[in-house]
């Protein structure tokens, strides 16, 4: 008599190819997400509508009534140049909600479980998703920059500095996408991820130097705004675009991020990536264990 032994298939182990395999797996996942985005063009279109509306509304509705320190009262052109770095920064950070919703949707539909059955690096799923979101954000910035030029925004530095300004904006957007990834892994539905990804962004972006000068805020809010990582990137972008006004003080409270905004922006963004990528990957492993 011979015994028949049933073999229960187990999940494939994670790949062990080190950094090289992690990079390859991340790029494969990023390609998958980019293909998916290209098949749903309304995702990109709707992502463009809000920032374009902000540009038009702030430029033509509020632009003539907001005075920029160091510029003549009611100077709409000065406000346009002051405003655009803030709109660019808001656009890249608001992509956080989309990143969180996308990951929550993949979790809800069971796609993450299918990824688990493959011999791939665990962090590649999240890295690939954030890289795809970064590409989409870069395309959005290109379109938004064209719109800004049409309404009168101008830069006053060389091309290398202007590109460096956009690079800092994208670095901030990539850093915040890891916050979105953590939120997406921590909620049960894509709708909750969207709400959770936006509710904290509004105070972060409006208690800053993005849309109005910090000078008009109460004293305690000036401190909050000038130590806000969002403000550091906005100030750095203005400096690299040449959109600052000569003689205007960089900081009202002596905050170091406003005195050295480029360096502060890099430090803030790298710190956010390190902290929230670590937390997101740990959450991913526990959520799919």
C-alpha atoms as a PDB file:
ATOM      1  CA  UNK A   1       0.000   0.000   0.000  1.00  0.00           C
ATOM      2  CA  UNK A   2       1.385   3.358  -0.969  1.00  0.00           C
ATOM      3  CA  UNK A   3       0.578   6.551   0.806  1.00  0.00           C
ATOM      4  CA  UNK A   4      -0.339   9.676  -1.154  1.00  0.00           C
ATOM      5  CA  UNK A   5       0.816  12.904   0.405  1.00  0.00           C
ATOM      6  CA  UNK A   6      -1.005  16.118  -0.487  1.00  0.00           C
ATOM      7  CA  UNK A   7       1.253  19.097  -0.819  1.00  0.00           C
ATOM      8  CA  UNK A   8      -0.208  22.445   0.209  1.00  0.00           C
ATOM      9  CA  UNK A   9       1.210  25.243  -1.916  1.00  0.00           C
ATOM     10  CA  UNK A  10       2.741  28.046   0.079  1.00  0.00           C
ATOM     11  CA  UNK A  11       3.328  31.646  -0.724  1.00  0.00           C
ATOM     12  CA  UNK A  12       6.483  32.283  -2.680  1.00  0.00           C
ATOM     13  CA  UNK A  13       9.288  33.698  -0.572  1.00  0.00           C
ATOM     14  CA  UNK A  14      10.409  37.236  -0.995  1.00  0.00           C
ATOM     15  CA  UNK A  15      13.228  37.735  -3.434  1.00  0.00           C
ATOM     16  CA  UNK A  16      16.728  37.754  -2.032  1.00  0.00           C
ATOM     17  CA  UNK A  17      18.550  39.580  -4.790  1.00  0.00           C
ATOM     18  CA  UNK A  18      19.392  42.571  -2.603  1.00  0.00           C
ATOM     19  CA  UNK A  19      19.281  46.159  -3.754  1.00  0.00           C
ATOM     20  CA  UNK A  20      19.445  45.246  -7.447  1.00  0.00           C
ATOM     21  CA  UNK A  21      16.322  43.097  -7.294  1.00  0.00           C
ATOM     22  CA  UNK A  22      14.526  45.682  -5.150  1.00  0.00           C
ATOM     23  CA  UNK A  23      15.189  48.342  -7.805  1.00  0.00           C
ATOM     24  CA  UNK A  24      14.050  46.057 -10.640  1.00  0.00           C
ATOM     25  CA  UNK A  25      10.890  45.051  -8.793  1.00  0.00           C
ATOM     26  CA  UNK A  26      10.099  48.665  -7.947  1.00  0.00           C
ATOM     27  CA  UNK A  27      10.438  49.697 -11.585  1.00  0.00           C
ATOM     28  CA  UNK A  28       8.164  46.847 -12.690  1.00  0.00           C
ATOM     29  CA  UNK A  29       5.474  47.927 -10.214  1.00  0.00           C
ATOM     30  CA  UNK A  30       5.938  51.567 -11.256  1.00  0.00           C
ATOM     31  CA  UNK A  31       5.462  50.586 -14.916  1.00  0.00           C
ATOM     32  CA  UNK A  32       2.286  48.713 -14.006  1.00  0.00           C
ATOM     33  CA  UNK A  33       0.869  51.768 -12.257  1.00  0.00           C
ATOM     34  CA  UNK A  34       1.828  54.115 -15.100  1.00  0.00           C
ATOM     35  CA  UNK A  35       0.117  51.865 -17.640  1.00  0.00           C
ATOM     36  CA  UNK A  36      -2.971  51.821 -15.426  1.00  0.00           C
ATOM     37  CA  UNK A  37      -2.928  55.629 -15.197  1.00  0.00           C
ATOM     38  CA  UNK A  38      -2.618  55.966 -18.972  1.00  0.00           C
ATOM     39  CA  UNK A  39      -5.749  53.861 -19.386  1.00  0.00           C
ATOM     40  CA  UNK A  40      -7.696  56.123 -17.036  1.00  0.00           C
ATOM     41  CA  UNK A  41      -6.906  59.623 -18.416  1.00  0.00           C
ATOM     42  CA  UNK A  42      -9.603  61.236 -16.286  1.00  0.00           C
ATOM     43  CA  UNK A  43      -7.342  60.660 -13.260  1.00  0.00           C
ATOM     44  CA  UNK A  44      -4.770  63.007 -14.767  1.00  0.00           C
ATOM     45  CA  UNK A  45      -7.366  65.488 -16.070  1.00  0.00           C
ATOM     46  CA  UNK A  46      -9.159  65.826 -12.736  1.00  0.00           C
ATOM     47  CA  UNK A  47      -5.792  66.157 -11.012  1.00  0.00           C
ATOM     48  CA  UNK A  48      -5.080  69.211 -13.184  1.00  0.00           C
ATOM     49  CA  UNK A  49      -8.390  71.011 -12.707  1.00  0.00           C
ATOM     50  CA  UNK A  50      -7.946  71.948  -9.044  1.00  0.00           C
ATOM     51  CA  UNK A  51      -4.475  73.577  -9.312  1.00  0.00           C
ATOM     52  CA  UNK A  52      -5.489  75.442 -12.469  1.00  0.00           C
ATOM     53  CA  UNK A  53      -8.567  76.760 -10.643  1.00  0.00           C
ATOM     54  CA  UNK A  54      -6.359  77.893  -7.749  1.00  0.00           C
ATOM     55  CA  UNK A  55      -4.044  79.741 -10.163  1.00  0.00           C
ATOM     56  CA  UNK A  56      -6.912  81.560 -11.860  1.00  0.00           C
ATOM     57  CA  UNK A  57      -8.827  82.356  -8.672  1.00  0.00           C
ATOM     58  CA  UNK A  58      -5.887  83.600  -6.639  1.00  0.00           C
ATOM     59  CA  UNK A  59      -4.410  85.531  -9.566  1.00  0.00           C
ATOM     60  CA  UNK A  60      -7.513  87.347 -10.760  1.00  0.00           C
ATOM     61  CA  UNK A  61      -9.759  87.381  -7.680  1.00  0.00           C
ATOM     62  CA  UNK A  62      -7.323  87.945  -4.798  1.00  0.00           C
ATOM     63  CA  UNK A  63      -4.209  89.162  -6.599  1.00  0.00           C
ATOM     64  CA  UNK A  64      -5.105  92.846  -6.585  1.00  0.00           C
ATOM     65  CA  UNK A  65      -6.016  92.944  -2.886  1.00  0.00           C
ATOM     66  CA  UNK A  66      -3.028  91.146  -1.331  1.00  0.00           C
ATOM     67  CA  UNK A  67       0.041  93.299  -0.767  1.00  0.00           C
ATOM     68  CA  UNK A  68       3.499  91.758  -0.849  1.00  0.00           C
ATOM     69  CA  UNK A  69       6.047  93.401   1.510  1.00  0.00           C
ATOM     70  CA  UNK A  70       8.574  95.367  -0.540  1.00  0.00           C
ATOM     71  CA  UNK A  71       6.298  95.643  -3.594  1.00  0.00           C
ATOM     72  CA  UNK A  72       3.988  98.554  -4.516  1.00  0.00           C
ATOM     73  CA  UNK A  73       0.447  98.150  -3.048  1.00  0.00           C
ATOM     74  CA  UNK A  74      -1.917  96.274  -5.346  1.00  0.00           C
ATOM     75  CA  UNK A  75       0.896  95.070  -7.610  1.00  0.00           C
ATOM     76  CA  UNK A  76      -0.730  92.037  -9.242  1.00  0.00           C
ATOM     77  CA  UNK A  77       2.457  90.964 -11.015  1.00  0.00           C
ATOM     78  CA  UNK A  78       4.370  90.811  -7.727  1.00  0.00           C
ATOM     79  CA  UNK A  79       1.636  88.618  -6.267  1.00  0.00           C
ATOM     80  CA  UNK A  80       1.693  86.281  -9.279  1.00  0.00           C
ATOM     81  CA  UNK A  81       5.394  85.685  -8.791  1.00  0.00           C
ATOM     82  CA  UNK A  82       4.883  85.288  -5.042  1.00  0.00           C
ATOM     83  CA  UNK A  83       1.949  82.906  -5.528  1.00  0.00           C
ATOM     84  CA  UNK A  84       3.179  80.365  -8.062  1.00  0.00           C
ATOM     85  CA  UNK A  85       5.765  78.616  -5.884  1.00  0.00           C
ATOM     86  CA  UNK A  86       2.990  78.064  -3.334  1.00  0.00           C
ATOM     87  CA  UNK A  87       0.600  76.678  -5.962  1.00  0.00           C
ATOM     88  CA  UNK A  88       3.304  74.338  -7.283  1.00  0.00           C
ATOM     89  CA  UNK A  89       4.056  73.100  -3.761  1.00  0.00           C
ATOM     90  CA  UNK A  90       0.379  72.619  -2.952  1.00  0.00           C
ATOM     91  CA  UNK A  91      -0.083  70.620  -6.150  1.00  0.00           C
ATOM     92  CA  UNK A  92       2.722  68.172  -5.404  1.00  0.00           C
ATOM     93  CA  UNK A  93       1.602  67.666  -1.800  1.00  0.00           C
ATOM     94  CA  UNK A  94      -2.069  67.184  -2.640  1.00  0.00           C
ATOM     95  CA  UNK A  95      -1.008  64.185  -4.733  1.00  0.00           C
ATOM     96  CA  UNK A  96      -0.601  62.508  -1.322  1.00  0.00           C
ATOM     97  CA  UNK A  97      -4.329  61.779  -1.203  1.00  0.00           C
ATOM     98  CA  UNK A  98      -4.201  60.011  -4.570  1.00  0.00           C
ATOM     99  CA  UNK A  99      -1.268  57.865  -3.476  1.00  0.00           C
ATOM    100  CA  UNK A 100      -3.067  56.797  -0.328  1.00  0.00           C
ATOM    101  CA  UNK A 101      -6.309  56.071  -2.153  1.00  0.00           C
ATOM    102  CA  UNK A 102      -4.496  54.000  -4.795  1.00  0.00           C
ATOM    103  CA  UNK A 103      -2.760  51.824  -2.234  1.00  0.00           C
ATOM    104  CA  UNK A 104      -5.969  51.424  -0.205  1.00  0.00           C
ATOM    105  CA  UNK A 105      -7.769  50.379  -3.402  1.00  0.00           C
ATOM    106  CA  UNK A 106      -5.109  47.757  -4.167  1.00  0.00           C
ATOM    107  CA  UNK A 107      -5.448  46.425  -0.623  1.00  0.00           C
ATOM    108  CA  UNK A 108      -9.244  46.382  -0.850  1.00  0.00           C
ATOM    109  CA  UNK A 109      -9.269  44.500  -4.171  1.00  0.00           C
ATOM    110  CA  UNK A 110      -6.740  41.900  -3.030  1.00  0.00           C
ATOM    111  CA  UNK A 111      -4.026  42.935  -5.464  1.00  0.00           C
ATOM    112  CA  UNK A 112      -1.502  43.155  -2.630  1.00  0.00           C
ATOM    113  CA  UNK A 113      -2.214  39.505  -1.780  1.00  0.00           C
ATOM    114  CA  UNK A 114      -1.325  38.538  -5.345  1.00  0.00           C
ATOM    115  CA  UNK A 115       1.931  40.477  -5.077  1.00  0.00           C
ATOM    116  CA  UNK A 116       2.704  38.509  -1.925  1.00  0.00           C
ATOM    117  CA  UNK A 117       2.687  35.275  -3.911  1.00  0.00           C
ATOM    118  CA  UNK A 118       5.544  36.525  -6.071  1.00  0.00           C
ATOM    119  CA  UNK A 119       9.258  36.313  -5.181  1.00  0.00           C
ATOM    120  CA  UNK A 120       9.699  40.064  -5.020  1.00  0.00           C
ATOM    121  CA  UNK A 121      11.117  42.587  -2.579  1.00  0.00           C
ATOM    122  CA  UNK A 122       8.505  43.576  -0.017  1.00  0.00           C
ATOM    123  CA  UNK A 123       9.146  47.308  -0.239  1.00  0.00           C
ATOM    124  CA  UNK A 124       8.973  47.270  -4.054  1.00  0.00           C
ATOM    125  CA  UNK A 125       5.175  47.473  -4.104  1.00  0.00           C
ATOM    126  CA  UNK A 126       5.161  50.768  -2.227  1.00  0.00           C
ATOM    127  CA  UNK A 127       8.279  52.169  -3.910  1.00  0.00           C
ATOM    128  CA  UNK A 128       6.865  51.416  -7.340  1.00  0.00           C
ATOM    129  CA  UNK A 129       3.596  53.095  -6.466  1.00  0.00           C
ATOM    130  CA  UNK A 130       5.292  56.256  -5.165  1.00  0.00           C
ATOM    131  CA  UNK A 131       7.570  56.435  -8.223  1.00  0.00           C
ATOM    132  CA  UNK A 132       4.558  56.231 -10.547  1.00  0.00           C
ATOM    133  CA  UNK A 133       2.861  59.000  -8.586  1.00  0.00           C
ATOM    134  CA  UNK A 134       6.055  61.069  -8.893  1.00  0.00           C
ATOM    135  CA  UNK A 135       5.949  60.765 -12.697  1.00  0.00           C
ATOM    136  CA  UNK A 136       2.299  61.828 -12.749  1.00  0.00           C
ATOM    137  CA  UNK A 137       3.074  64.769 -10.473  1.00  0.00           C
ATOM    138  CA  UNK A 138       5.935  65.856 -12.761  1.00  0.00           C
ATOM    139  CA  UNK A 139       3.588  65.873 -15.770  1.00  0.00           C
ATOM    140  CA  UNK A 140       1.069  67.904 -13.782  1.00  0.00           C
ATOM    141  CA  UNK A 141       3.765  70.448 -12.877  1.00  0.00           C
ATOM    142  CA  UNK A 142       4.721  70.864 -16.543  1.00  0.00           C
ATOM    143  CA  UNK A 143       1.131  71.674 -17.518  1.00  0.00           C
ATOM    144  CA  UNK A 144       0.689  73.945 -14.519  1.00  0.00           C
ATOM    145  CA  UNK A 145       3.890  75.845 -15.337  1.00  0.00           C
ATOM    146  CA  UNK A 146       2.561  76.524 -18.845  1.00  0.00           C
ATOM    147  CA  UNK A 147      -0.693  77.858 -17.365  1.00  0.00           C
ATOM    148  CA  UNK A 148       1.313  80.024 -14.947  1.00  0.00           C
ATOM    149  CA  UNK A 149       3.286  81.510 -17.822  1.00  0.00           C
ATOM    150  CA  UNK A 150       0.027  82.287 -19.624  1.00  0.00           C
ATOM    151  CA  UNK A 151      -1.312  84.282 -16.654  1.00  0.00           C
ATOM    152  CA  UNK A 152       1.897  86.290 -16.329  1.00  0.00           C
ATOM    153  CA  UNK A 153       4.245  84.364 -14.040  1.00  0.00           C
ATOM    154  CA  UNK A 154       7.928  84.818 -14.894  1.00  0.00           C
ATOM    155  CA  UNK A 155      11.229  83.501 -13.551  1.00  0.00           C
ATOM    156  CA  UNK A 156      14.353  85.653 -13.211  1.00  0.00           C
ATOM    157  CA  UNK A 157      17.126  83.085 -12.805  1.00  0.00           C
ATOM    158  CA  UNK A 158      18.998  80.810 -15.199  1.00  0.00           C
ATOM    159  CA  UNK A 159      17.548  77.517 -16.395  1.00  0.00           C
ATOM    160  CA  UNK A 160      19.661  75.412 -14.031  1.00  0.00           C
ATOM    161  CA  UNK A 161      18.282  77.182 -10.951  1.00  0.00           C
ATOM    162  CA  UNK A 162      14.716  77.020 -12.247  1.00  0.00           C
ATOM    163  CA  UNK A 163      15.030  73.270 -12.823  1.00  0.00           C
ATOM    164  CA  UNK A 164      16.550  72.915  -9.344  1.00  0.00           C
ATOM    165  CA  UNK A 165      13.478  74.667  -7.937  1.00  0.00           C
ATOM    166  CA  UNK A 166      11.170  72.180  -9.642  1.00  0.00           C
ATOM    167  CA  UNK A 167      13.397  69.312  -8.449  1.00  0.00           C
ATOM    168  CA  UNK A 168      12.934  70.451  -4.839  1.00  0.00           C
ATOM    169  CA  UNK A 169       9.180  70.593  -5.371  1.00  0.00           C
ATOM    170  CA  UNK A 170       9.155  67.048  -6.742  1.00  0.00           C
ATOM    171  CA  UNK A 171      11.329  65.856  -3.857  1.00  0.00           C
ATOM    172  CA  UNK A 172       8.755  67.275  -1.425  1.00  0.00           C
ATOM    173  CA  UNK A 173       5.944  65.600  -3.378  1.00  0.00           C
ATOM    174  CA  UNK A 174       7.777  62.262  -3.288  1.00  0.00           C
ATOM    175  CA  UNK A 175       8.347  62.615   0.453  1.00  0.00           C
ATOM    176  CA  UNK A 176       4.672  63.322   1.091  1.00  0.00           C
ATOM    177  CA  UNK A 177       3.631  60.377  -1.087  1.00  0.00           C
ATOM    178  CA  UNK A 178       5.151  58.116   1.593  1.00  0.00           C
ATOM    179  CA  UNK A 179       2.839  59.738   4.144  1.00  0.00           C
ATOM    180  CA  UNK A 180      -0.006  58.919   1.752  1.00  0.00           C
ATOM    181  CA  UNK A 181       1.237  55.332   1.471  1.00  0.00           C
ATOM    182  CA  UNK A 182       1.155  54.941   5.247  1.00  0.00           C
ATOM    183  CA  UNK A 183      -2.369  56.374   5.396  1.00  0.00           C
ATOM    184  CA  UNK A 184      -3.516  54.065   2.581  1.00  0.00           C
ATOM    185  CA  UNK A 185      -2.230  51.031   4.456  1.00  0.00           C
ATOM    186  CA  UNK A 186      -3.849  52.154   7.710  1.00  0.00           C
ATOM    187  CA  UNK A 187      -7.460  52.583   6.552  1.00  0.00           C
ATOM    188  CA  UNK A 188     -10.039  50.160   5.223  1.00  0.00           C
ATOM    189  CA  UNK A 189     -11.380  51.919   2.121  1.00  0.00           C
ATOM    190  CA  UNK A 190     -10.083  54.218  -0.646  1.00  0.00           C
ATOM    191  CA  UNK A 191     -12.649  56.840   0.399  1.00  0.00           C
ATOM    192  CA  UNK A 192     -11.212  56.940   3.902  1.00  0.00           C
ATOM    193  CA  UNK A 193      -7.706  57.218   2.448  1.00  0.00           C
ATOM    194  CA  UNK A 194      -8.739  60.217   0.346  1.00  0.00           C
ATOM    195  CA  UNK A 195     -10.298  61.975   3.326  1.00  0.00           C
ATOM    196  CA  UNK A 196      -7.381  61.091   5.583  1.00  0.00           C
ATOM    197  CA  UNK A 197      -4.915  62.288   2.974  1.00  0.00           C
ATOM    198  CA  UNK A 198      -6.516  65.724   2.643  1.00  0.00           C
ATOM    199  CA  UNK A 199      -7.729  66.661   6.109  1.00  0.00           C
ATOM    200  CA  UNK A 200      -4.244  67.418   7.476  1.00  0.00           C
ATOM    201  CA  UNK A 201      -2.950  68.972   4.244  1.00  0.00           C
ATOM    202  CA  UNK A 202      -5.215  72.023   4.397  1.00  0.00           C
ATOM    203  CA  UNK A 203      -3.799  73.451   7.644  1.00  0.00           C
ATOM    204  CA  UNK A 204      -0.284  72.467   6.569  1.00  0.00           C
ATOM    205  CA  UNK A 205      -0.524  74.372   3.285  1.00  0.00           C
ATOM    206  CA  UNK A 206      -2.504  77.391   4.502  1.00  0.00           C
ATOM    207  CA  UNK A 207      -0.530  77.990   7.717  1.00  0.00           C
ATOM    208  CA  UNK A 208       2.512  78.710   5.593  1.00  0.00           C
ATOM    209  CA  UNK A 209       4.051  81.309   3.320  1.00  0.00           C
ATOM    210  CA  UNK A 210       2.403  79.829   0.224  1.00  0.00           C
ATOM    211  CA  UNK A 211      -0.505  82.185  -0.467  1.00  0.00           C
ATOM    212  CA  UNK A 212      -0.111  85.178   1.820  1.00  0.00           C
ATOM    213  CA  UNK A 213       2.876  86.804   3.541  1.00  0.00           C
ATOM    214  CA  UNK A 214       3.580  85.431   7.007  1.00  0.00           C
ATOM    215  CA  UNK A 215       3.777  89.031   8.288  1.00  0.00           C
ATOM    216  CA  UNK A 216      -0.010  89.275   8.518  1.00  0.00           C
ATOM    217  CA  UNK A 217      -0.369  86.227  10.791  1.00  0.00           C
ATOM    218  CA  UNK A 218      -0.537  86.264  14.596  1.00  0.00           C
ATOM    219  CA  UNK A 219       2.862  85.930  16.257  1.00  0.00           C
ATOM    220  CA  UNK A 220       2.480  82.276  17.287  1.00  0.00           C
ATOM    221  CA  UNK A 221       1.346  81.294  13.793  1.00  0.00           C
ATOM    222  CA  UNK A 222       4.375  83.039  12.293  1.00  0.00           C
ATOM    223  CA  UNK A 223       6.610  80.614  14.194  1.00  0.00           C
ATOM    224  CA  UNK A 224       4.532  77.633  13.036  1.00  0.00           C
ATOM    225  CA  UNK A 225       4.528  78.817   9.427  1.00  0.00           C
ATOM    226  CA  UNK A 226       8.265  79.485   9.250  1.00  0.00           C
ATOM    227  CA  UNK A 227       9.167  76.056  10.711  1.00  0.00           C
ATOM    228  CA  UNK A 228       6.674  74.323   8.424  1.00  0.00           C
ATOM    229  CA  UNK A 229       8.536  72.002   5.970  1.00  0.00           C
ATOM    230  CA  UNK A 230       6.055  73.083   3.301  1.00  0.00           C
ATOM    231  CA  UNK A 231       7.104  76.722   3.812  1.00  0.00           C
ATOM    232  CA  UNK A 232      10.775  75.833   3.453  1.00  0.00           C
ATOM    233  CA  UNK A 233      10.216  74.317   0.016  1.00  0.00           C
ATOM    234  CA  UNK A 234       8.051  77.249  -1.088  1.00  0.00           C
ATOM    235  CA  UNK A 235      10.724  79.723   0.012  1.00  0.00           C
ATOM    236  CA  UNK A 236      13.439  77.658  -1.692  1.00  0.00           C
ATOM    237  CA  UNK A 237      11.471  77.534  -4.948  1.00  0.00           C
ATOM    238  CA  UNK A 238      10.909  81.299  -4.876  1.00  0.00           C
ATOM    239  CA  UNK A 239      14.609  81.856  -4.338  1.00  0.00           C
ATOM    240  CA  UNK A 240      15.602  79.542  -7.201  1.00  0.00           C
ATOM    241  CA  UNK A 241      12.950  81.016  -9.515  1.00  0.00           C
ATOM    242  CA  UNK A 242      14.118  84.549  -8.712  1.00  0.00           C
ATOM    243  CA  UNK A 243      10.667  85.443  -7.369  1.00  0.00           C
ATOM    244  CA  UNK A 244      11.883  87.076  -4.157  1.00  0.00           C
ATOM    245  CA  UNK A 245      11.827  90.836  -3.594  1.00  0.00           C
ATOM    246  CA  UNK A 246      15.086  92.640  -2.851  1.00  0.00           C
ATOM    247  CA  UNK A 247      15.264  93.958   0.684  1.00  0.00           C
ATOM    248  CA  UNK A 248      12.410  91.798   1.952  1.00  0.00           C
ATOM    249  CA  UNK A 249      13.409  89.960   5.185  1.00  0.00           C
ATOM    250  CA  UNK A 250      13.637  86.200   4.795  1.00  0.00           C
ATOM    251  CA  UNK A 251      12.281  85.524   8.277  1.00  0.00           C
ATOM    252  CA  UNK A 252      10.274  87.505  10.809  1.00  0.00           C
ATOM    253  CA  UNK A 253      11.084  85.178  13.698  1.00  0.00           C
ATOM    254  CA  UNK A 254      14.705  84.313  12.904  1.00  0.00           C
ATOM    255  CA  UNK A 255      13.710  80.778  11.854  1.00  0.00           C
ATOM    256  CA  UNK A 256      16.656  78.921  10.312  1.00  0.00           C
ATOM    257  CA  UNK A 257      14.570  77.213   7.567  1.00  0.00           C
ATOM    258  CA  UNK A 258      13.674  80.621   6.158  1.00  0.00           C
ATOM    259  CA  UNK A 259      17.285  81.833   6.298  1.00  0.00           C
ATOM    260  CA  UNK A 260      18.579  78.730   4.436  1.00  0.00           C
ATOM    261  CA  UNK A 261      15.470  77.492   2.609  1.00  0.00           C
ATOM    262  CA  UNK A 262      17.201  75.324  -0.037  1.00  0.00           C
ATOM    263  CA  UNK A 263      19.177  73.323   2.504  1.00  0.00           C
ATOM    264  CA  UNK A 264      16.205  73.193   4.898  1.00  0.00           C
ATOM    265  CA  UNK A 265      13.938  71.921   2.125  1.00  0.00           C
ATOM    266  CA  UNK A 266      16.310  69.082   1.282  1.00  0.00           C
ATOM    267  CA  UNK A 267      16.733  68.119   4.944  1.00  0.00           C
ATOM    268  CA  UNK A 268      12.984  68.164   5.631  1.00  0.00           C
ATOM    269  CA  UNK A 269      12.163  66.084   2.535  1.00  0.00           C
ATOM    270  CA  UNK A 270      14.871  63.475   3.138  1.00  0.00           C
ATOM    271  CA  UNK A 271      13.857  63.190   6.794  1.00  0.00           C
ATOM    272  CA  UNK A 272      10.195  62.669   5.854  1.00  0.00           C
ATOM    273  CA  UNK A 273      11.162  59.990   3.306  1.00  0.00           C
ATOM    274  CA  UNK A 274      13.351  58.095   5.781  1.00  0.00           C
ATOM    275  CA  UNK A 275      10.788  58.175   8.587  1.00  0.00           C
ATOM    276  CA  UNK A 276       7.606  57.491   6.650  1.00  0.00           C
ATOM    277  CA  UNK A 277       9.097  54.963   4.233  1.00  0.00           C
ATOM    278  CA  UNK A 278      10.283  52.953   7.224  1.00  0.00           C
ATOM    279  CA  UNK A 279       6.853  53.154   8.856  1.00  0.00           C
ATOM    280  CA  UNK A 280       5.011  52.392   5.605  1.00  0.00           C
ATOM    281  CA  UNK A 281       7.107  49.310   4.767  1.00  0.00           C
ATOM    282  CA  UNK A 282       6.707  48.052   8.336  1.00  0.00           C
ATOM    283  CA  UNK A 283       2.944  48.602   8.116  1.00  0.00           C
ATOM    284  CA  UNK A 284       2.845  46.835   4.745  1.00  0.00           C
ATOM    285  CA  UNK A 285       4.597  43.793   6.146  1.00  0.00           C
ATOM    286  CA  UNK A 286       2.278  43.578   9.154  1.00  0.00           C
ATOM    287  CA  UNK A 287      -0.833  44.242   7.048  1.00  0.00           C
ATOM    288  CA  UNK A 288      -0.014  41.434   4.630  1.00  0.00           C
ATOM    289  CA  UNK A 289       1.433  38.956   7.123  1.00  0.00           C
END
